[in-house]
Amino acid sequence: MEEKENVEETKEDTPKVVQDANAAAERLEKANQEKAELLSREEEMMARKALGGNSEAGQAPAKAVGETDEEYSERFREGKVNLLE
């Protein structure tokens, strides 16, 4: 019982600056704990996303559509070809 009284007396005896610093430290500890929880949730979400798949199996790559020589010569005859490119 004496110990509780000593704690209360010391609380009253400590300067306001120290009390404010202790309160700020408690807030920081709480914020750090919340940040750690959020970080673990974010890591879990990233792991699920990575393991979730995006399989490319069975998908054929898109073929590049090129211009044939005949199409180029037709554009050249029509004057649609820019020779400076």
PDB file of N, CA and C in Angstrom:
ATOM      1  N   MET A   1       0.823  -1.188   0.000  1.00  0.00           N
ATOM      2  CA  MET A   1       0.000   0.000   0.000  1.00  0.00           C
ATOM      3  C   MET A   1       0.873   1.260   0.000  1.00  0.00           C
ATOM      4  N   GLU A   2       1.990   1.191   0.730  1.00  0.00           N
ATOM      5  CA  GLU A   2       2.897   2.328   0.779  1.00  0.00           C
ATOM      6  C   GLU A   2       3.478   2.623  -0.596  1.00  0.00           C
ATOM      7  N   GLU A   3       3.692   1.576  -1.360  1.00  0.00           N
ATOM      8  CA  GLU A   3       4.273   1.740  -2.685  1.00  0.00           C
ATOM      9  C   GLU A   3       3.357   2.562  -3.577  1.00  0.00           C
ATOM     10  N   LYS A   4       2.057   2.297  -3.531  1.00  0.00           N
ATOM     11  CA  LYS A   4       1.099   3.054  -4.329  1.00  0.00           C
ATOM     12  C   LYS A   4       1.124   4.521  -3.941  1.00  0.00           C
ATOM     13  N   GLU A   5       1.195   4.781  -2.653  1.00  0.00           N
ATOM     14  CA  GLU A   5       1.231   6.162  -2.190  1.00  0.00           C
ATOM     15  C   GLU A   5       2.492   6.854  -2.680  1.00  0.00           C
ATOM     16  N   ASN A   6       3.611   6.126  -2.690  1.00  0.00           N
ATOM     17  CA  ASN A   6       4.858   6.706  -3.174  1.00  0.00           C
ATOM     18  C   ASN A   6       4.768   7.049  -4.652  1.00  0.00           C
ATOM     19  N   VAL A   7       4.130   6.192  -5.404  1.00  0.00           N
ATOM     20  CA  VAL A   7       3.969   6.443  -6.834  1.00  0.00           C
ATOM     21  C   VAL A   7       3.113   7.673  -7.051  1.00  0.00           C
ATOM     22  N   GLU A   8       2.035   7.796  -6.313  1.00  0.00           N
ATOM     23  CA  GLU A   8       1.169   8.960  -6.448  1.00  0.00           C
ATOM     24  C   GLU A   8       1.880  10.227  -6.010  1.00  0.00           C
ATOM     25  N   GLU A   9       2.670  10.136  -4.942  1.00  0.00           N
ATOM     26  CA  GLU A   9       3.408  11.304  -4.480  1.00  0.00           C
ATOM     27  C   GLU A   9       4.440  11.721  -5.513  1.00  0.00           C
ATOM     28  N   THR A  10       5.117  10.761  -6.093  1.00  0.00           N
ATOM     29  CA  THR A  10       6.132  11.112  -7.088  1.00  0.00           C
ATOM     30  C   THR A  10       5.483  11.693  -8.333  1.00  0.00           C
ATOM     31  N   LYS A  11       4.284  11.245  -8.653  1.00  0.00           N
ATOM     32  CA  LYS A  11       3.574  11.801  -9.805  1.00  0.00           C
ATOM     33  C   LYS A  11       3.278  13.276  -9.570  1.00  0.00           C
ATOM     34  N   GLU A  12       2.878  13.585  -8.357  1.00  0.00           N
ATOM     35  CA  GLU A  12       2.556  14.974  -8.031  1.00  0.00           C
ATOM     36  C   GLU A  12       3.819  15.822  -7.904  1.00  0.00           C
ATOM     37  N   ASP A  13       4.912  15.199  -7.490  1.00  0.00           N
ATOM     38  CA  ASP A  13       6.139  15.940  -7.273  1.00  0.00           C
ATOM     39  C   ASP A  13       6.918  16.190  -8.569  1.00  0.00           C
ATOM     40  N   THR A  14       6.705  15.388  -9.592  1.00  0.00           N
ATOM     41  CA  THR A  14       7.475  15.550 -10.825  1.00  0.00           C
ATOM     42  C   THR A  14       7.018  16.803 -11.558  1.00  0.00           C
ATOM     43  N   PRO A  15       7.951  17.468 -12.178  1.00  0.00           N
ATOM     44  CA  PRO A  15       7.592  18.686 -12.925  1.00  0.00           C
ATOM     45  C   PRO A  15       6.700  18.352 -14.124  1.00  0.00           C
ATOM     46  N   LYS A  16       5.979  19.350 -14.559  1.00  0.00           N
ATOM     47  CA  LYS A  16       5.050  19.175 -15.668  1.00  0.00           C
ATOM     48  C   LYS A  16       5.778  18.755 -16.941  1.00  0.00           C
ATOM     49  N   VAL A  17       6.978  19.232 -17.137  1.00  0.00           N
ATOM     50  CA  VAL A  17       7.748  18.899 -18.332  1.00  0.00           C
ATOM     51  C   VAL A  17       8.005  17.396 -18.380  1.00  0.00           C
ATOM     52  N   VAL A  18       8.344  16.815 -17.252  1.00  0.00           N
ATOM     53  CA  VAL A  18       8.619  15.384 -17.205  1.00  0.00           C
ATOM     54  C   VAL A  18       7.331  14.600 -17.451  1.00  0.00           C
ATOM     55  N   GLN A  19       6.235  15.067 -16.861  1.00  0.00           N
ATOM     56  CA  GLN A  19       4.948  14.398 -17.079  1.00  0.00           C
ATOM     57  C   GLN A  19       4.562  14.460 -18.556  1.00  0.00           C
ATOM     58  N   ASP A  20       4.776  15.614 -19.172  1.00  0.00           N
ATOM     59  CA  ASP A  20       4.474  15.752 -20.601  1.00  0.00           C
ATOM     60  C   ASP A  20       5.360  14.833 -21.439  1.00  0.00           C
ATOM     61  N   ALA A  21       6.618  14.722 -21.067  1.00  0.00           N
ATOM     62  CA  ALA A  21       7.534  13.851 -21.796  1.00  0.00           C
ATOM     63  C   ALA A  21       7.117  12.390 -21.652  1.00  0.00           C
ATOM     64  N   ASN A  22       6.699  12.011 -20.457  1.00  0.00           N
ATOM     65  CA  ASN A  22       6.234  10.637 -20.245  1.00  0.00           C
ATOM     66  C   ASN A  22       4.973  10.356 -21.059  1.00  0.00           C
ATOM     67  N   ALA A  23       4.063  11.324 -21.109  1.00  0.00           N
ATOM     68  CA  ALA A  23       2.840  11.154 -21.891  1.00  0.00           C
ATOM     69  C   ALA A  23       3.177  11.029 -23.378  1.00  0.00           C
ATOM     70  N   ALA A  24       4.134  11.833 -23.839  1.00  0.00           N
ATOM     71  CA  ALA A  24       4.539  11.765 -25.244  1.00  0.00           C
ATOM     72  C   ALA A  24       5.187  10.421 -25.545  1.00  0.00           C
ATOM     73  N   ALA A  25       5.987   9.916 -24.614  1.00  0.00           N
ATOM     74  CA  ALA A  25       6.627   8.610 -24.812  1.00  0.00           C
ATOM     75  C   ALA A  25       5.577   7.505 -24.898  1.00  0.00           C
ATOM     76  N   GLU A  26       4.560   7.590 -24.068  1.00  0.00           N
ATOM     77  CA  GLU A  26       3.481   6.588 -24.124  1.00  0.00           C
ATOM     78  C   GLU A  26       2.755   6.642 -25.463  1.00  0.00           C
ATOM     79  N   ARG A  27       2.508   7.858 -25.954  1.00  0.00           N
ATOM     80  CA  ARG A  27       1.843   7.992 -27.254  1.00  0.00           C
ATOM     81  C   ARG A  27       2.711   7.420 -28.366  1.00  0.00           C
ATOM     82  N   LEU A  28       4.015   7.667 -28.295  1.00  0.00           N
ATOM     83  CA  LEU A  28       4.926   7.129 -29.308  1.00  0.00           C
ATOM     84  C   LEU A  28       4.961   5.609 -29.268  1.00  0.00           C
ATOM     85  N   GLU A  29       4.981   5.042 -28.081  1.00  0.00           N
ATOM     86  CA  GLU A  29       4.977   3.584 -27.962  1.00  0.00           C
ATOM     87  C   GLU A  29       3.702   2.996 -28.563  1.00  0.00           C
ATOM     88  N   LYS A  30       2.577   3.646 -28.295  1.00  0.00           N
ATOM     89  CA  LYS A  30       1.305   3.169 -28.847  1.00  0.00           C
ATOM     90  C   LYS A  30       1.311   3.291 -30.381  1.00  0.00           C
ATOM     91  N   ALA A  31       1.819   4.413 -30.882  1.00  0.00           N
ATOM     92  CA  ALA A  31       1.881   4.609 -32.336  1.00  0.00           C
ATOM     93  C   ALA A  31       2.818   3.591 -32.981  1.00  0.00           C
ATOM     94  N   ASN A  32       3.944   3.299 -32.335  1.00  0.00           N
ATOM     95  CA  ASN A  32       4.872   2.301 -32.865  1.00  0.00           C
ATOM     96  C   ASN A  32       4.237   0.924 -32.912  1.00  0.00           C
ATOM     97  N   GLN A  33       3.467   0.597 -31.891  1.00  0.00           N
ATOM     98  CA  GLN A  33       2.793  -0.706 -31.865  1.00  0.00           C
ATOM     99  C   GLN A  33       1.767  -0.795 -32.988  1.00  0.00           C
ATOM    100  N   GLU A  34       1.007   0.271 -33.199  1.00  0.00           N
ATOM    101  CA  GLU A  34       0.025   0.288 -34.289  1.00  0.00           C
ATOM    102  C   GLU A  34       0.722   0.186 -35.642  1.00  0.00           C
ATOM    103  N   LYS A  35       1.851   0.884 -35.789  1.00  0.00           N
ATOM    104  CA  LYS A  35       2.600   0.838 -37.050  1.00  0.00           C
ATOM    105  C   LYS A  35       3.125  -0.569 -37.317  1.00  0.00           C
ATOM    106  N   ALA A  36       3.577  -1.247 -36.262  1.00  0.00           N
ATOM    107  CA  ALA A  36       4.070  -2.615 -36.430  1.00  0.00           C
ATOM    108  C   ALA A  36       2.941  -3.541 -36.878  1.00  0.00           C
ATOM    109  N   GLU A  37       1.756  -3.349 -36.316  1.00  0.00           N
ATOM    110  CA  GLU A  37       0.608  -4.166 -36.728  1.00  0.00           C
ATOM    111  C   GLU A  37       0.251  -3.906 -38.183  1.00  0.00           C
ATOM    112  N   LEU A  38       0.249  -2.626 -38.573  1.00  0.00           N
ATOM    113  CA  LEU A  38      -0.058  -2.286 -39.962  1.00  0.00           C
ATOM    114  C   LEU A  38       0.994  -2.842 -40.916  1.00  0.00           C
ATOM    115  N   LEU A  39       2.251  -2.794 -40.510  1.00  0.00           N
ATOM    116  CA  LEU A  39       3.321  -3.314 -41.351  1.00  0.00           C
ATOM    117  C   LEU A  39       3.178  -4.820 -41.554  1.00  0.00           C
ATOM    118  N   SER A  40       2.826  -5.533 -40.497  1.00  0.00           N
ATOM    119  CA  SER A  40       2.662  -6.983 -40.650  1.00  0.00           C
ATOM    120  C   SER A  40       1.473  -7.292 -41.560  1.00  0.00           C
ATOM    121  N   ARG A  41       0.407  -6.491 -41.459  1.00  0.00           N
ATOM    122  CA  ARG A  41      -0.738  -6.700 -42.353  1.00  0.00           C
ATOM    123  C   ARG A  41      -0.344  -6.405 -43.802  1.00  0.00           C
ATOM    124  N   GLU A  42       0.451  -5.357 -44.006  1.00  0.00           N
ATOM    125  CA  GLU A  42       0.882  -5.013 -45.358  1.00  0.00           C
ATOM    126  C   GLU A  42       1.775  -6.103 -45.938  1.00  0.00           C
ATOM    127  N   GLU A  43       2.679  -6.633 -45.122  1.00  0.00           N
ATOM    128  CA  GLU A  43       3.540  -7.718 -45.588  1.00  0.00           C
ATOM    129  C   GLU A  43       2.717  -8.936 -45.968  1.00  0.00           C
ATOM    130  N   GLU A  44       1.700  -9.235 -45.178  1.00  0.00           N
ATOM    131  CA  GLU A  44       0.839 -10.375 -45.483  1.00  0.00           C
ATOM    132  C   GLU A  44       0.102 -10.156 -46.800  1.00  0.00           C
ATOM    133  N   MET A  45      -0.388  -8.928 -47.024  1.00  0.00           N
ATOM    134  CA  MET A  45      -1.101  -8.636 -48.267  1.00  0.00           C
ATOM    135  C   MET A  45      -0.168  -8.754 -49.466  1.00  0.00           C
ATOM    136  N   MET A  46       1.074  -8.286 -49.319  1.00  0.00           N
ATOM    137  CA  MET A  46       2.026  -8.376 -50.423  1.00  0.00           C
ATOM    138  C   MET A  46       2.372  -9.826 -50.721  1.00  0.00           C
ATOM    139  N   ALA A  47       2.489 -10.638 -49.682  1.00  0.00           N
ATOM    140  CA  ALA A  47       2.788 -12.058 -49.886  1.00  0.00           C
ATOM    141  C   ALA A  47       1.628 -12.747 -50.596  1.00  0.00           C
ATOM    142  N   ARG A  48       0.421 -12.418 -50.176  1.00  0.00           N
ATOM    143  CA  ARG A  48      -0.750 -13.016 -50.843  1.00  0.00           C
ATOM    144  C   ARG A  48      -0.815 -12.604 -52.305  1.00  0.00           C
ATOM    145  N   LYS A  49      -0.493 -11.339 -52.567  1.00  0.00           N
ATOM    146  CA  LYS A  49      -0.514 -10.863 -53.948  1.00  0.00           C
ATOM    147  C   LYS A  49       0.532 -11.587 -54.784  1.00  0.00           C
ATOM    148  N   ALA A  50       1.715 -11.778 -54.202  1.00  0.00           N
ATOM    149  CA  ALA A  50       2.794 -12.453 -54.926  1.00  0.00           C
ATOM    150  C   ALA A  50       2.466 -13.917 -55.167  1.00  0.00           C
ATOM    151  N   LEU A  51       1.835 -14.546 -54.198  1.00  0.00           N
ATOM    152  CA  LEU A  51       1.521 -15.964 -54.331  1.00  0.00           C
ATOM    153  C   LEU A  51       0.181 -16.206 -55.014  1.00  0.00           C
ATOM    154  N   GLY A  52      -0.584 -15.143 -55.213  1.00  0.00           N
ATOM    155  CA  GLY A  52      -1.916 -15.266 -55.782  1.00  0.00           C
ATOM    156  C   GLY A  52      -1.915 -15.722 -57.225  1.00  0.00           C
ATOM    157  N   GLY A  53      -0.841 -15.561 -57.880  1.00  0.00           N
ATOM    158  CA  GLY A  53      -0.747 -16.025 -59.256  1.00  0.00           C
ATOM    159  C   GLY A  53      -0.962 -14.909 -60.246  1.00  0.00           C
ATOM    160  N   ASN A  54      -0.804 -15.063 -61.365  1.00  0.00           N
ATOM    161  CA  ASN A  54      -0.943 -14.276 -62.572  1.00  0.00           C
ATOM    162  C   ASN A  54      -0.255 -15.135 -63.604  1.00  0.00           C
ATOM    163  N   SER A  55      -0.738 -16.316 -63.706  1.00  0.00           N
ATOM    164  CA  SER A  55      -0.094 -17.305 -64.547  1.00  0.00           C
ATOM    165  C   SER A  55      -0.174 -16.889 -65.996  1.00  0.00           C
ATOM    166  N   GLU A  56       0.913 -17.063 -66.665  1.00  0.00           N
ATOM    167  CA  GLU A  56       0.958 -16.774 -68.087  1.00  0.00           C
ATOM    168  C   GLU A  56       0.877 -18.051 -68.907  1.00  0.00           C
ATOM    169  N   ALA A  57       0.610 -19.130 -68.260  1.00  0.00           N
ATOM    170  CA  ALA A  57       0.543 -20.416 -68.955  1.00  0.00           C
ATOM    171  C   ALA A  57      -0.619 -20.421 -69.939  1.00  0.00           C
ATOM    172  N   GLY A  58      -0.363 -20.932 -71.107  1.00  0.00           N
ATOM    173  CA  GLY A  58      -1.411 -21.056 -72.119  1.00  0.00           C
ATOM    174  C   GLY A  58      -1.685 -19.786 -72.879  1.00  0.00           C
ATOM    175  N   GLN A  59      -0.989 -18.738 -72.591  1.00  0.00           N
ATOM    176  CA  GLN A  59      -1.213 -17.478 -73.287  1.00  0.00           C
ATOM    177  C   GLN A  59      -0.124 -17.295 -74.334  1.00  0.00           C
ATOM    178  N   ALA A  60      -0.534 -17.075 -75.544  1.00  0.00           N
ATOM    179  CA  ALA A  60       0.430 -16.859 -76.619  1.00  0.00           C
ATOM    180  C   ALA A  60       0.815 -15.382 -76.638  1.00  0.00           C
ATOM    181  N   PRO A  61       2.084 -15.090 -76.811  1.00  0.00           N
ATOM    182  CA  PRO A  61       2.489 -13.680 -76.878  1.00  0.00           C
ATOM    183  C   PRO A  61       1.890 -13.026 -78.118  1.00  0.00           C
ATOM    184  N   ALA A  62       1.576 -11.763 -78.006  1.00  0.00           N
ATOM    185  CA  ALA A  62       0.997 -11.034 -79.130  1.00  0.00           C
ATOM    186  C   ALA A  62       2.038 -10.894 -80.232  1.00  0.00           C
ATOM    187  N   LYS A  63       1.624 -11.171 -81.431  1.00  0.00           N
ATOM    188  CA  LYS A  63       2.531 -11.064 -82.566  1.00  0.00           C
ATOM    189  C   LYS A  63       2.594  -9.615 -83.022  1.00  0.00           C
ATOM    190  N   ALA A  64       3.790  -9.186 -83.345  1.00  0.00           N
ATOM    191  CA  ALA A  64       3.966  -7.822 -83.823  1.00  0.00           C
ATOM    192  C   ALA A  64       3.393  -7.721 -85.229  1.00  0.00           C
ATOM    193  N   VAL A  65       2.571  -6.721 -85.408  1.00  0.00           N
ATOM    194  CA  VAL A  65       1.966  -6.528 -86.719  1.00  0.00           C
ATOM    195  C   VAL A  65       2.901  -5.615 -87.497  1.00  0.00           C
ATOM    196  N   GLY A  66       3.488  -6.167 -88.548  1.00  0.00           N
ATOM    197  CA  GLY A  66       4.420  -5.402 -89.369  1.00  0.00           C
ATOM    198  C   GLY A  66       3.798  -5.056 -90.706  1.00  0.00           C
ATOM    199  N   GLU A  67       4.441  -4.153 -91.371  1.00  0.00           N
ATOM    200  CA  GLU A  67       3.963  -3.723 -92.671  1.00  0.00           C
ATOM    201  C   GLU A  67       4.688  -4.525 -93.749  1.00  0.00           C
ATOM    202  N   THR A  68       3.925  -5.039 -94.678  1.00  0.00           N
ATOM    203  CA  THR A  68       4.534  -5.815 -95.762  1.00  0.00           C
ATOM    204  C   THR A  68       5.164  -4.859 -96.781  1.00  0.00           C
ATOM    205  N   ASP A  69       5.989  -5.419 -97.621  1.00  0.00           N
ATOM    206  CA  ASP A  69       6.631  -4.607 -98.660  1.00  0.00           C
ATOM    207  C   ASP A  69       5.601  -3.999 -99.599  1.00  0.00           C
ATOM    208  N   GLU A  70       4.558  -4.761 -99.891  1.00  0.00           N
ATOM    209  CA  GLU A  70       3.522  -4.263-100.797  1.00  0.00           C
ATOM    210  C   GLU A  70       2.788  -3.075-100.175  1.00  0.00           C
ATOM    211  N   GLU A  71       2.506  -3.173 -98.869  1.00  0.00           N
ATOM    212  CA  GLU A  71       1.804  -2.073 -98.197  1.00  0.00           C
ATOM    213  C   GLU A  71       2.689  -0.818 -98.148  1.00  0.00           C
ATOM    214  N   TYR A  72       3.980  -1.020 -97.912  1.00  0.00           N
ATOM    215  CA  TYR A  72       4.896   0.118 -97.877  1.00  0.00           C
ATOM    216  C   TYR A  72       4.991   0.780 -99.250  1.00  0.00           C
ATOM    217  N   SER A  73       5.106  -0.025-100.293  1.00  0.00           N
ATOM    218  CA  SER A  73       5.227   0.556-101.637  1.00  0.00           C
ATOM    219  C   SER A  73       3.947   1.305-102.013  1.00  0.00           C
ATOM    220  N   GLU A  74       2.812   0.800-101.580  1.00  0.00           N
ATOM    221  CA  GLU A  74       1.533   1.482-101.859  1.00  0.00           C
ATOM    222  C   GLU A  74       1.497   2.837-101.134  1.00  0.00           C
ATOM    223  N   ARG A  75       1.941   2.865 -99.886  1.00  0.00           N
ATOM    224  CA  ARG A  75       1.967   4.134 -99.147  1.00  0.00           C
ATOM    225  C   ARG A  75       2.968   5.094 -99.786  1.00  0.00           C
ATOM    226  N   PHE A  76       4.083   4.559-100.299  1.00  0.00           N
ATOM    227  CA  PHE A  76       5.097   5.398-100.931  1.00  0.00           C
ATOM    228  C   PHE A  76       4.546   6.033-102.204  1.00  0.00           C
ATOM    229  N   ARG A  77       3.821   5.236-103.009  1.00  0.00           N
ATOM    230  CA  ARG A  77       3.232   5.763-104.243  1.00  0.00           C
ATOM    231  C   ARG A  77       2.182   6.826-103.966  1.00  0.00           C
ATOM    232  N   GLU A  78       1.485   6.685-102.834  1.00  0.00           N
ATOM    233  CA  GLU A  78       0.443   7.659-102.493  1.00  0.00           C
ATOM    234  C   GLU A  78       1.024   8.902-101.823  1.00  0.00           C
ATOM    235  N   GLY A  79       2.330   8.871-101.511  1.00  0.00           N
ATOM    236  CA  GLY A  79       2.976  10.027-100.908  1.00  0.00           C
ATOM    237  C   GLY A  79       2.761  10.118 -99.410  1.00  0.00           C
ATOM    238  N   LYS A  80       2.419   9.012 -98.782  1.00  0.00           N
ATOM    239  CA  LYS A  80       2.160   9.012 -97.341  1.00  0.00           C
ATOM    240  C   LYS A  80       3.374   8.635 -96.509  1.00  0.00           C
ATOM    241  N   VAL A  81       4.509   8.401 -97.167  1.00  0.00           N
ATOM    242  CA  VAL A  81       5.716   7.998 -96.464  1.00  0.00           C
ATOM    243  C   VAL A  81       6.567   9.238 -96.225  1.00  0.00           C
ATOM    244  N   ASN A  82       6.995   9.419 -94.980  1.00  0.00           N
ATOM    245  CA  ASN A  82       7.892  10.517 -94.658  1.00  0.00           C
ATOM    246  C   ASN A  82       9.304   9.955 -94.679  1.00  0.00           C
ATOM    247  N   LEU A  83      10.098  10.369 -95.649  1.00  0.00           N
ATOM    248  CA  LEU A  83      11.436   9.827 -95.828  1.00  0.00           C
ATOM    249  C   LEU A  83      12.422  10.349 -94.794  1.00  0.00           C
ATOM    250  N   LEU A  84      12.060  11.376 -94.046  1.00  0.00           N
ATOM    251  CA  LEU A  84      12.961  11.965 -93.058  1.00  0.00           C
ATOM    252  C   LEU A  84      12.865  11.235 -91.705  1.00  0.00           C
ATOM    253  N   GLU A  85      11.990  10.319 -91.559  1.00  0.00           N
ATOM    254  CA  GLU A  85      11.849   9.602 -90.286  1.00  0.00           C
ATOM    255  C   GLU A  85      12.860   8.522 -90.162  1.00  0.00           C
TER     256      GLU A  85
END
